[in-house]
C-alpha atoms as a PDB file:
ATOM      1  CA  MET A   1       5.708  83.416  53.509  1.00  0.00           C
ATOM      2  CA  LYS A   2       6.102  83.550  57.200  1.00  0.00           C
ATOM      3  CA  ASP A   3       9.395  81.785  57.317  1.00  0.00           C
ATOM      4  CA  PHE A   4      10.724  83.746  54.311  1.00  0.00           C
ATOM      5  CA  ASN A   5      11.175  87.329  55.044  1.00  0.00           C
ATOM      6  CA  PRO A   6      14.622  88.318  53.401  1.00  0.00           C
ATOM      7  CA  LEU A   7      15.646  92.212  53.232  1.00  0.00           C
ATOM      8  CA  VAL A   8      14.827  93.352  49.731  1.00  0.00           C
ATOM      9  CA  THR A   9      16.865  96.178  48.243  1.00  0.00           C
ATOM     10  CA  VAL A  10      14.823  98.544  45.643  1.00  0.00           C
ATOM     11  CA  ILE A  11      16.907 100.513  43.555  1.00  0.00           C
ATOM     12  CA  ILE A  12      15.543 103.424  41.683  1.00  0.00           C
ATOM     13  CA  PRO A  13      17.745 105.646  39.313  1.00  0.00           C
ATOM     14  CA  MET A  14      16.633 109.276  39.429  1.00  0.00           C
ATOM     15  CA  TYR A  15      17.154 112.458  36.804  1.00  0.00           C
ATOM     16  CA  ASN A  16      14.832 115.353  36.711  1.00  0.00           C
ATOM     17  CA  ARG A  17      11.684 113.294  37.592  1.00  0.00           C
ATOM     18  CA  GLU A  18      10.144 115.859  40.307  1.00  0.00           C
ATOM     19  CA  ASN A  19       6.640 115.183  38.682  1.00  0.00           C
ATOM     20  CA  THR A  20       6.752 111.404  39.115  1.00  0.00           C
ATOM     21  CA  ILE A  21       9.308 110.307  41.406  1.00  0.00           C
ATOM     22  CA  LEU A  22       6.881 110.901  44.574  1.00  0.00           C
ATOM     23  CA  ALA A  23       4.371 108.299  43.202  1.00  0.00           C
ATOM     24  CA  ALA A  24       7.165 105.933  42.255  1.00  0.00           C
ATOM     25  CA  VAL A  25       8.637 105.950  45.631  1.00  0.00           C
ATOM     26  CA  THR A  26       5.453 105.769  47.367  1.00  0.00           C
ATOM     27  CA  SER A  27       4.267 102.656  45.485  1.00  0.00           C
ATOM     28  CA  VAL A  28       7.480 101.092  46.754  1.00  0.00           C
ATOM     29  CA  LEU A  29       6.935 102.285  50.587  1.00  0.00           C
ATOM     30  CA  ASN A  30       3.251 101.044  50.438  1.00  0.00           C
ATOM     31  CA  GLN A  31       4.118  97.502  49.495  1.00  0.00           C
ATOM     32  CA  THR A  32       2.443  94.622  51.177  1.00  0.00           C
ATOM     33  CA  TYR A  33       5.784  93.204  51.787  1.00  0.00           C
ATOM     34  CA  ARG A  34       7.279  95.525  54.411  1.00  0.00           C
ATOM     35  CA  ASN A  35      11.039  94.281  55.033  1.00  0.00           C
ATOM     36  CA  LEU A  36      12.873  96.466  52.323  1.00  0.00           C
ATOM     37  CA  GLU A  37      15.116  99.407  51.823  1.00  0.00           C
ATOM     38  CA  LEU A  38      15.013 101.671  49.294  1.00  0.00           C
ATOM     39  CA  ILE A  39      17.988 103.207  47.597  1.00  0.00           C
ATOM     40  CA  VAL A  40      17.325 106.107  45.418  1.00  0.00           C
ATOM     41  CA  VAL A  41      20.322 107.047  43.264  1.00  0.00           C
ATOM     42  CA  ASP A  42      20.044 110.715  41.892  1.00  0.00           C
ATOM     43  CA  ASP A  43      22.233 111.411  38.686  1.00  0.00           C
ATOM     44  CA  CYS A  44      22.532 115.026  39.185  1.00  0.00           C
ATOM     45  CA  SER A  45      19.052 116.088  38.578  1.00  0.00           C
ATOM     46  CA  THR A  46      18.684 119.968  38.013  1.00  0.00           C
ATOM     47  CA  ASP A  47      14.934 120.122  39.083  1.00  0.00           C
ATOM     48  CA  ASN A  48      13.448 119.501  42.350  1.00  0.00           C
ATOM     49  CA  SER A  49      13.662 115.868  42.353  1.00  0.00           C
ATOM     50  CA  VAL A  50      16.183 115.480  45.315  1.00  0.00           C
ATOM     51  CA  LYS A  51      14.137 117.840  47.381  1.00  0.00           C
ATOM     52  CA  VAL A  52      11.069 115.761  46.830  1.00  0.00           C
ATOM     53  CA  VAL A  53      12.868 112.700  48.130  1.00  0.00           C
ATOM     54  CA  LYS A  54      14.358 114.300  50.963  1.00  0.00           C
ATOM     55  CA  GLN A  55      10.872 115.579  52.218  1.00  0.00           C
ATOM     56  CA  LEU A  56       9.792 111.839  52.652  1.00  0.00           C
ATOM     57  CA  ASP A  57       9.674 110.725  56.367  1.00  0.00           C
ATOM     58  CA  ASP A  58      10.719 106.943  55.979  1.00  0.00           C
ATOM     59  CA  ASP A  59      13.908 105.374  57.675  1.00  0.00           C
ATOM     60  CA  ARG A  60      13.922 102.894  54.790  1.00  0.00           C
ATOM     61  CA  ILE A  61      15.042 105.376  52.269  1.00  0.00           C
ATOM     62  CA  ARG A  62      18.634 105.834  51.424  1.00  0.00           C
ATOM     63  CA  LEU A  63      19.140 108.741  49.158  1.00  0.00           C
ATOM     64  CA  ILE A  64      22.625 108.744  46.930  1.00  0.00           C
ATOM     65  CA  LEU A  65      23.755 111.929  45.070  1.00  0.00           C
ATOM     66  CA  SER A  66      25.935 111.250  42.280  1.00  0.00           C
ATOM     67  CA  LYS A  67      29.080 113.515  41.729  1.00  0.00           C
ATOM     68  CA  GLU A  68      28.383 113.506  37.846  1.00  0.00           C
ATOM     69  CA  ASN A  69      25.620 112.696  35.422  1.00  0.00           C
ATOM     70  CA  LYS A  70      26.409 109.439  34.038  1.00  0.00           C
ATOM     71  CA  GLY A  71      23.011 107.649  33.292  1.00  0.00           C
ATOM     72  CA  ALA A  72      20.420 105.173  34.620  1.00  0.00           C
ATOM     73  CA  CYS A  73      22.911 102.002  34.137  1.00  0.00           C
ATOM     74  CA  VAL A  74      25.877 103.768  36.366  1.00  0.00           C
ATOM     75  CA  ALA A  75      23.122 104.708  38.828  1.00  0.00           C
ATOM     76  CA  ARG A  76      21.686 101.214  39.175  1.00  0.00           C
ATOM     77  CA  ASN A  77      25.268  99.812  39.489  1.00  0.00           C
ATOM     78  CA  ILE A  78      25.982 102.123  42.345  1.00  0.00           C
ATOM     79  CA  GLY A  79      22.707 101.187  44.184  1.00  0.00           C
ATOM     80  CA  ILE A  80      23.806  97.333  43.690  1.00  0.00           C
ATOM     81  CA  GLU A  81      27.184  98.138  45.276  1.00  0.00           C
ATOM     82  CA  CYS A  82      25.476  99.726  48.172  1.00  0.00           C
ATOM     83  CA  ALA A  83      22.416  97.277  48.547  1.00  0.00           C
ATOM     84  CA  LYS A  84      22.316  95.446  52.089  1.00  0.00           C
ATOM     85  CA  GLY A  85      19.507  93.201  50.828  1.00  0.00           C
ATOM     86  CA  GLU A  86      19.668  89.494  50.195  1.00  0.00           C
ATOM     87  CA  TYR A  87      17.459  90.305  47.192  1.00  0.00           C
ATOM     88  CA  ILE A  88      17.569  93.086  44.689  1.00  0.00           C
ATOM     89  CA  ALA A  89      14.501  94.549  42.876  1.00  0.00           C
ATOM     90  CA  PHE A  90      14.819  97.675  40.390  1.00  0.00           C
ATOM     91  CA  HIS A  91      12.186 100.201  39.875  1.00  0.00           C
ATOM     92  CA  ASP A  92      11.842 103.291  37.534  1.00  0.00           C
ATOM     93  CA  SER A  93      11.379 106.952  38.785  1.00  0.00           C
ATOM     94  CA  ASP A  94       8.445 107.212  36.397  1.00  0.00           C
ATOM     95  CA  ASP A  95       6.382 103.876  36.999  1.00  0.00           C
ATOM     96  CA  ILE A  96       4.213 102.444  39.458  1.00  0.00           C
ATOM     97  CA  TRP A  97       4.411  99.140  41.257  1.00  0.00           C
ATOM     98  CA  HIS A  98       1.261  97.475  42.304  1.00  0.00           C
ATOM     99  CA  LYS A  99       0.911  97.073  46.189  1.00  0.00           C
ATOM    100  CA  ASN A 100       1.523  93.332  45.924  1.00  0.00           C
ATOM    101  CA  LYS A 101       4.469  93.382  43.598  1.00  0.00           C
ATOM    102  CA  LEU A 102       7.386  92.404  46.165  1.00  0.00           C
ATOM    103  CA  GLU A 103       5.220  89.888  47.676  1.00  0.00           C
ATOM    104  CA  LYS A 104       4.116  88.288  44.411  1.00  0.00           C
ATOM    105  CA  SER A 105       7.693  88.147  43.254  1.00  0.00           C
ATOM    106  CA  LEU A 106       9.165  86.631  46.653  1.00  0.00           C
ATOM    107  CA  TYR A 107       6.294  83.950  46.574  1.00  0.00           C
ATOM    108  CA  TYR A 108       7.305  82.906  43.219  1.00  0.00           C
ATOM    109  CA  ILE A 109      10.844  82.682  43.904  1.00  0.00           C
ATOM    110  CA  LYS A 110      10.338  80.288  46.773  1.00  0.00           C
ATOM    111  CA  LYS A 111       7.707  78.208  44.928  1.00  0.00           C
ATOM    112  CA  THR A 112       9.821  77.654  41.881  1.00  0.00           C
ATOM    113  CA  LYS A 113      13.297  78.100  43.267  1.00  0.00           C
ATOM    114  CA  ALA A 114      14.158  80.557  40.741  1.00  0.00           C
ATOM    115  CA  ASP A 115      17.248  82.775  40.905  1.00  0.00           C
ATOM    116  CA  MET A 116      15.530  85.585  39.351  1.00  0.00           C
ATOM    117  CA  VAL A 117      11.831  86.472  38.545  1.00  0.00           C
ATOM    118  CA  PHE A 118      10.202  89.087  36.356  1.00  0.00           C
ATOM    119  CA  SER A 119       6.648  89.952  35.473  1.00  0.00           C
ATOM    120  CA  SER A 120       4.540  91.474  32.856  1.00  0.00           C
ATOM    121  CA  LEU A 121       3.746  95.073  33.144  1.00  0.00           C
ATOM    122  CA  TYR A 122       0.913  97.382  32.013  1.00  0.00           C
ATOM    123  CA  LYS A 123       2.038 100.066  29.316  1.00  0.00           C
ATOM    124  CA  GLN A 124       0.628 103.333  28.978  1.00  0.00           C
ATOM    125  CA  GLY A 125       1.091 106.385  27.290  1.00  0.00           C
ATOM    126  CA  GLU A 126       1.203 105.452  23.658  1.00  0.00           C
ATOM    127  CA  LYS A 127      -1.358 107.069  21.202  1.00  0.00           C
ATOM    128  CA  LYS A 128      -1.992 103.784  19.578  1.00  0.00           C
ATOM    129  CA  TYR A 129      -2.722 102.086  22.981  1.00  0.00           C
ATOM    130  CA  PRO A 130      -4.694 104.776  24.730  1.00  0.00           C
ATOM    131  CA  THR A 131      -5.914 102.165  27.264  1.00  0.00           C
ATOM    132  CA  GLY A 132      -2.844 100.489  27.809  1.00  0.00           C
ATOM    133  CA  ARG A 133      -1.630  97.095  26.890  1.00  0.00           C
ATOM    134  CA  ILE A 134       0.177  94.085  28.739  1.00  0.00           C
ATOM    135  CA  ILE A 135       3.546  92.997  27.798  1.00  0.00           C
ATOM    136  CA  PRO A 136       5.688  91.113  27.046  1.00  0.00           C
ATOM    137  CA  ARG A 137       3.483  88.798  25.109  1.00  0.00           C
ATOM    138  CA  THR A 138       6.262  85.984  25.233  1.00  0.00           C
ATOM    139  CA  ASN A 139       5.826  83.445  28.202  1.00  0.00           C
ATOM    140  CA  LEU A 140       9.409  82.352  28.874  1.00  0.00           C
ATOM    141  CA  ASN A 141       8.357  79.745  31.122  1.00  0.00           C
ATOM    142  CA  ASP A 142       6.781  77.560  28.140  1.00  0.00           C
ATOM    143  CA  MET A 143       9.949  78.113  26.038  1.00  0.00           C
ATOM    144  CA  GLU A 144      12.346  75.052  26.122  1.00  0.00           C
ATOM    145  CA  ASP A 145      15.336  77.240  24.699  1.00  0.00           C
ATOM    146  CA  LYS A 146      14.845  80.361  27.307  1.00  0.00           C
ATOM    147  CA  VAL A 147      18.636  81.471  26.292  1.00  0.00           C
ATOM    148  CA  GLY A 148      17.715  81.432  22.606  1.00  0.00           C
ATOM    149  CA  VAL A 149      14.565  83.110  23.008  1.00  0.00           C
ATOM    150  CA  LEU A 150      16.345  86.186  24.887  1.00  0.00           C
ATOM    151  CA  LEU A 151      19.124  86.163  22.325  1.00  0.00           C
ATOM    152  CA  GLY A 152      16.573  87.023  19.799  1.00  0.00           C
ATOM    153  CA  LYS A 153      14.321  89.300  21.619  1.00  0.00           C
ATOM    154  CA  ASN A 154      14.004  91.487  24.624  1.00  0.00           C
ATOM    155  CA  CYS A 155      11.120  90.310  26.789  1.00  0.00           C
ATOM    156  CA  ILE A 156      12.270  91.372  30.311  1.00  0.00           C
ATOM    157  CA  SER A 157      11.848  94.915  31.599  1.00  0.00           C
ATOM    158  CA  THR A 158      14.090  96.416  34.509  1.00  0.00           C
ATOM    159  CA  GLN A 159      11.308  97.503  36.623  1.00  0.00           C
ATOM    160  CA  THR A 160       9.811  94.146  36.917  1.00  0.00           C
ATOM    161  CA  ILE A 161      12.951  92.277  38.042  1.00  0.00           C
ATOM    162  CA  VAL A 162      13.500  90.523  41.563  1.00  0.00           C
ATOM    163  CA  LEU A 163      16.777  88.430  42.097  1.00  0.00           C
ATOM    164  CA  LYS A 164      19.321  86.877  44.471  1.00  0.00           C
ATOM    165  CA  LYS A 165      21.698  89.412  45.261  1.00  0.00           C
ATOM    166  CA  GLU A 166      24.498  86.534  45.316  1.00  0.00           C
ATOM    167  CA  ILE A 167      23.741  86.172  41.467  1.00  0.00           C
ATOM    168  CA  ILE A 168      24.940  89.409  40.409  1.00  0.00           C
ATOM    169  CA  GLU A 169      28.373  89.560  42.288  1.00  0.00           C
ATOM    170  CA  HIS A 170      30.060  89.703  39.012  1.00  0.00           C
ATOM    171  CA  ILE A 171      27.330  90.788  36.801  1.00  0.00           C
ATOM    172  CA  ARG A 172      26.420  94.649  36.177  1.00  0.00           C
ATOM    173  CA  PHE A 173      24.429  96.771  33.812  1.00  0.00           C
ATOM    174  CA  ASP A 174      26.387  97.455  30.857  1.00  0.00           C
ATOM    175  CA  GLU A 175      27.177 101.398  31.002  1.00  0.00           C
ATOM    176  CA  THR A 176      27.959 101.477  27.422  1.00  0.00           C
ATOM    177  CA  LEU A 177      24.456 100.540  26.094  1.00  0.00           C
ATOM    178  CA  PRO A 178      22.243 103.703  25.265  1.00  0.00           C
ATOM    179  CA  ARG A 179      19.239 101.561  25.476  1.00  0.00           C
ATOM    180  CA  PHE A 180      18.223  97.858  26.133  1.00  0.00           C
ATOM    181  CA  GLN A 181      20.284  97.827  29.265  1.00  0.00           C
ATOM    182  CA  ASP A 182      17.593  95.166  30.714  1.00  0.00           C
ATOM    183  CA  TRP A 183      17.960  92.938  27.886  1.00  0.00           C
ATOM    184  CA  ASP A 184      21.819  92.815  28.178  1.00  0.00           C
ATOM    185  CA  PHE A 185      21.533  92.240  31.862  1.00  0.00           C
ATOM    186  CA  ALA A 186      18.958  89.439  31.604  1.00  0.00           C
ATOM    187  CA  LEU A 187      21.129  87.752  28.926  1.00  0.00           C
ATOM    188  CA  GLN A 188      23.922  87.922  31.149  1.00  0.00           C
ATOM    189  CA  ILE A 189      22.257  86.106  34.304  1.00  0.00           C
ATOM    190  CA  ALA A 190      20.649  83.503  31.678  1.00  0.00           C
ATOM    191  CA  LEU A 191      23.933  82.782  29.907  1.00  0.00           C
ATOM    192  CA  SER A 192      25.467  82.398  33.348  1.00  0.00           C
ATOM    193  CA  GLY A 193      22.869  79.282  34.022  1.00  0.00           C
ATOM    194  CA  TYR A 194      20.691  80.921  36.483  1.00  0.00           C
ATOM    195  CA  LYS A 195      17.115  79.927  36.539  1.00  0.00           C
ATOM    196  CA  ILE A 196      14.607  82.601  35.437  1.00  0.00           C
ATOM    197  CA  TYR A 197      10.779  82.460  36.098  1.00  0.00           C
ATOM    198  CA  PHE A 198       8.215  84.838  34.408  1.00  0.00           C
ATOM    199  CA  ILE A 199       5.150  85.895  36.247  1.00  0.00           C
ATOM    200  CA  GLU A 200       2.349  86.460  33.911  1.00  0.00           C
ATOM    201  CA  GLU A 201       0.248  88.969  35.982  1.00  0.00           C
ATOM    202  CA  PRO A 202       1.117  92.393  35.372  1.00  0.00           C
ATOM    203  CA  LEU A 203       2.655  93.691  38.461  1.00  0.00           C
ATOM    204  CA  VAL A 204       3.831  97.292  37.136  1.00  0.00           C
ATOM    205  CA  ASP A 205       2.252 100.220  35.543  1.00  0.00           C
ATOM    206  CA  CYS A 206       4.774 101.620  33.094  1.00  0.00           C
ATOM    207  CA  TYR A 207       4.341 105.151  31.742  1.00  0.00           C
ATOM    208  CA  GLU A 208       6.128 106.205  28.428  1.00  0.00           C
ATOM    209  CA  LEU A 209       6.886 109.916  28.844  1.00  0.00           C
ATOM    210  CA  GLU A 210       7.863 112.096  26.006  1.00  0.00           C
ATOM    211  CA  ASP A 211      11.336 112.307  27.241  1.00  0.00           C
ATOM    212  CA  SER A 212      11.547 108.537  27.858  1.00  0.00           C
ATOM    213  CA  ILE A 213      14.713 106.892  26.427  1.00  0.00           C
ATOM    214  CA  THR A 214      12.417 104.343  24.807  1.00  0.00           C
ATOM    215  CA  LYS A 215      11.507 106.946  22.425  1.00  0.00           C
ATOM    216  CA  ASN A 216      15.113 107.802  21.164  1.00  0.00           C
ATOM    217  CA  GLY A 217      15.599 106.000  17.943  1.00  0.00           C
ATOM    218  CA  THR A 218      19.160 107.157  17.514  1.00  0.00           C
ATOM    219  CA  LYS A 219      19.883 105.260  20.652  1.00  0.00           C
ATOM    220  CA  ALA A 220      18.022 102.215  19.456  1.00  0.00           C
ATOM    221  CA  VAL A 221      20.337 101.857  16.547  1.00  0.00           C
ATOM    222  CA  LYS A 222      23.628 102.185  18.630  1.00  0.00           C
ATOM    223  CA  ALA A 223      22.355  99.535  21.046  1.00  0.00           C
ATOM    224  CA  TYR A 224      21.394  96.976  18.445  1.00  0.00           C
ATOM    225  CA  GLU A 225      24.749  97.436  16.876  1.00  0.00           C
ATOM    226  CA  ILE A 226      26.501  96.729  20.251  1.00  0.00           C
ATOM    227  CA  LEU A 227      24.094  93.924  21.226  1.00  0.00           C
ATOM    228  CA  GLU A 228      24.819  92.340  17.549  1.00  0.00           C
ATOM    229  CA  LYS A 229      28.286  92.361  18.197  1.00  0.00           C
ATOM    230  CA  LYS A 230      28.330  91.534  21.987  1.00  0.00           C
ATOM    231  CA  TYR A 231      26.404  88.317  21.633  1.00  0.00           C
ATOM    232  CA  GLN A 232      27.621  87.354  17.955  1.00  0.00           C
ATOM    233  CA  ASN A 233      29.088  84.153  18.917  1.00  0.00           C
ATOM    234  CA  GLN A 234      26.267  82.815  20.891  1.00  0.00           C
ATOM    235  CA  ARG A 235      23.819  83.832  18.031  1.00  0.00           C
ATOM    236  CA  GLU A 236      25.689  82.155  15.533  1.00  0.00           C
ATOM    237  CA  LYS A 237      24.861  78.726  17.094  1.00  0.00           C
ATOM    238  CA  ASN A 238      21.138  79.591  16.915  1.00  0.00           C
ATOM    239  CA  LYS A 239      19.643  80.250  13.628  1.00  0.00           C
ATOM    240  CA  LYS A 240      15.990  80.991  14.935  1.00  0.00           C
ATOM    241  CA  ALA A 241      17.551  83.667  17.435  1.00  0.00           C
ATOM    242  CA  LYS A 242      19.605  85.396  14.413  1.00  0.00           C
ATOM    243  CA  TYR A 243      16.381  85.517  12.777  1.00  0.00           C
ATOM    244  CA  THR A 244      14.270  87.061  15.414  1.00  0.00           C
ATOM    245  CA  PHE A 245      17.056  89.576  16.472  1.00  0.00           C
ATOM    246  CA  TYR A 246      17.351  90.691  12.766  1.00  0.00           C
ATOM    247  CA  SER A 247      13.607  90.788  12.017  1.00  0.00           C
ATOM    248  CA  LEU A 248      12.663  92.784  15.083  1.00  0.00           C
ATOM    249  CA  ALA A 249      15.755  95.036  14.694  1.00  0.00           C
ATOM    250  CA  GLY A 250      14.360  96.192  11.271  1.00  0.00           C
ATOM    251  CA  ASN A 251      10.898  96.722  12.634  1.00  0.00           C
ATOM    252  CA  LEU A 252      12.191  98.803  15.721  1.00  0.00           C
ATOM    253  CA  LEU A 253      14.403 100.966  13.230  1.00  0.00           C
ATOM    254  CA  GLU A 254      11.629 101.620  10.889  1.00  0.00           C
ATOM    255  CA  GLN A 255       9.239 102.427  13.890  1.00  0.00           C
ATOM    256  CA  ASN A 256      11.907 105.311  14.806  1.00  0.00           C
ATOM    257  CA  LYS A 257      11.828 106.482  11.067  1.00  0.00           C
ATOM    258  CA  ILE A 258      15.475 105.019  10.368  1.00  0.00           C
ATOM    259  CA  SER A 259      15.879 102.467   7.661  1.00  0.00           C
ATOM    260  CA  GLY A 260      15.851  98.802   8.731  1.00  0.00           C
ATOM    261  CA  ALA A 261      16.722  97.579   5.336  1.00  0.00           C
ATOM    262  CA  SER A 262      19.943  96.189   6.676  1.00  0.00           C
ATOM    263  CA  TYR A 263      18.546  94.137   9.316  1.00  0.00           C
ATOM    264  CA  PHE A 264      15.689  92.737   7.043  1.00  0.00           C
ATOM    265  CA  LYS A 265      18.273  91.513   4.578  1.00  0.00           C
ATOM    266  CA  LYS A 266      20.034  89.563   6.984  1.00  0.00           C
ATOM    267  CA  ALA A 267      16.638  88.300   8.171  1.00  0.00           C
ATOM    268  CA  TYR A 268      15.767  87.029   4.795  1.00  0.00           C
ATOM    269  CA  GLU A 269      19.227  85.437   4.817  1.00  0.00           C
ATOM    270  CA  GLN A 270      18.170  83.258   7.646  1.00  0.00           C
ATOM    271  CA  SER A 271      14.662  82.409   6.501  1.00  0.00           C
ATOM    272  CA  LYS A 272      14.819  82.686   2.749  1.00  0.00           C
ATOM    273  CA  LYS A 273      10.883  83.628   2.884  1.00  0.00           C
ATOM    274  CA  ARG A 274       9.315  86.032   0.525  1.00  0.00           C
ATOM    275  CA  ILE A 275       7.748  88.313   3.267  1.00  0.00           C
ATOM    276  CA  ASP A 276      11.376  89.052   4.569  1.00  0.00           C
ATOM    277  CA  TRP A 277      12.472  89.654   1.106  1.00  0.00           C
ATOM    278  CA  LEU A 278       9.529  91.985   0.782  1.00  0.00           C
ATOM    279  CA  ARG A 279      10.090  93.645   3.962  1.00  0.00           C
ATOM    280  CA  TYR A 280      13.835  94.439   2.632  1.00  0.00           C
ATOM    281  CA  ILE A 281      12.564  95.669  -0.547  1.00  0.00           C
ATOM    282  CA  LEU A 282      10.132  98.040   1.144  1.00  0.00           C
ATOM    283  CA  ALA A 283      12.699  99.317   3.647  1.00  0.00           C
ATOM    284  CA  LYS A 284      15.225 100.103   0.882  1.00  0.00           C
ATOM    285  CA  VAL A 285      12.964 102.348  -1.036  1.00  0.00           C
ATOM    286  CA  ARG A 286      11.588 103.669   2.313  1.00  0.00           C
ATOM    287  CA  LEU A 287       8.185 102.304   1.861  1.00  0.00           C
ATOM    288  CA  PHE A 288       8.161  99.959   4.658  1.00  0.00           C
ATOM    289  CA  ARG A 289       6.552 102.316   7.409  1.00  0.00           C
ATOM    290  CA  PHE A 290       4.122 103.850   4.926  1.00  0.00           C
ATOM    291  CA  CYS A 291       2.706 100.417   4.143  1.00  0.00           C
ATOM    292  CA  THR A 292       2.770  99.497   7.881  1.00  0.00           C
ATOM    293  CA  LEU A 293       0.797 102.336   8.879  1.00  0.00           C
ATOM    294  CA  CYS A 294      -1.807 101.701   6.029  1.00  0.00           C
ATOM    295  CA  ALA A 295      -2.102  98.190   7.281  1.00  0.00           C
ATOM    296  CA  ASP A 296      -2.613  99.570  10.842  1.00  0.00           C
ATOM    297  CA  LYS A 297      -5.375 101.834   9.743  1.00  0.00           C
ATOM    298  CA  LEU A 298      -7.355  99.216   7.683  1.00  0.00           C
ATOM    299  CA  HIS A 299      -7.020  96.892  10.883  1.00  0.00           C
ATOM    300  CA  LEU A 300      -8.366  99.565  13.330  1.00  0.00           C
ATOM    301  CA  SER A 301     -10.948 100.951  11.018  1.00  0.00           C
END
C-alpha cells in the first residue's frame, strides 16, 4: 500500500444527531489510513449537531451548511460535488467505522482492480437480535449475474461503500427516493458496467435508532413503487430477479404492518409455487404477520 496513497473524501450527511455525530466523525478521523478529508453536510439541524462538529480541531474536516432541509440524498450529492478526493466513501451520522475500514477497502480496490467495494456490517439495535447480526448474507462475488442479484434485492449499505470518484461523474443518489437510495445507487453503477467487489469482513457497526428512516414503513412502500417502475425493463429480462424483488417486497411490507398481498401475488405469478400462493392468501386475509410471529416464537423457544 506504500505506493497507493490516494486522497479519500468521506461524506457524512447530518440531521439532528448531536448524540451520535461525535462518535461517527471520530471513527473516521481515527482511521489507520490517514490521507482523507471529511465532508459533513448538515441538513438544517435544529439541535446542537453543528456545534459538536465545529468544536472538533482537525483540519481534515469540512462542514457544509445546507440552506434548506432536503434529506440525506441531497446532502450526499452536495458532498460529491465538493469532494477533492480520488476516491469517495460514505458514512452515516449514527454509525461507527472500524479503525481499518478505509485501509481494508483500498487494499481490496487495488488487489481486485474493482471500481467500487462494499463490506458487510454489524447491525445492532433490534430487539430480535440483541447481540447484533452480520449483514448482508449474500456474497455478491460468488454470483455470476451480479446485476440480476441487485435487481432482485438490496445487499449494499451506503456506509460501507468506497469507490472511484471518476465513475460517479454522471451518477448521483436519487433524491426522489424516500428509502433504499443505497440500493438504487449501487444498481446505477452495476448497470453501467463497473466492477463491484464485496468484502466479507464487517467493517461498520450500524445502529438502528428509533427515528431511523429504516423503520418507516410508509416510505418503504413508496420506495418500492418507485424502484419497481424505474427498473421494470431490466427486471422483465430476468425472471429470477422479478421473483426475488416481489417476494422480498411482500415480506418487507408485512414487517411494517402493511399488506404485502399484491407483491406476493406477483411473486406467485413468477414461481407458480404453492408456498407463494399461501403467502398471498395469508397476506390477503391479514394473517401473514401473525403466522410469521408464531413461527419465530417456535423457532426461538
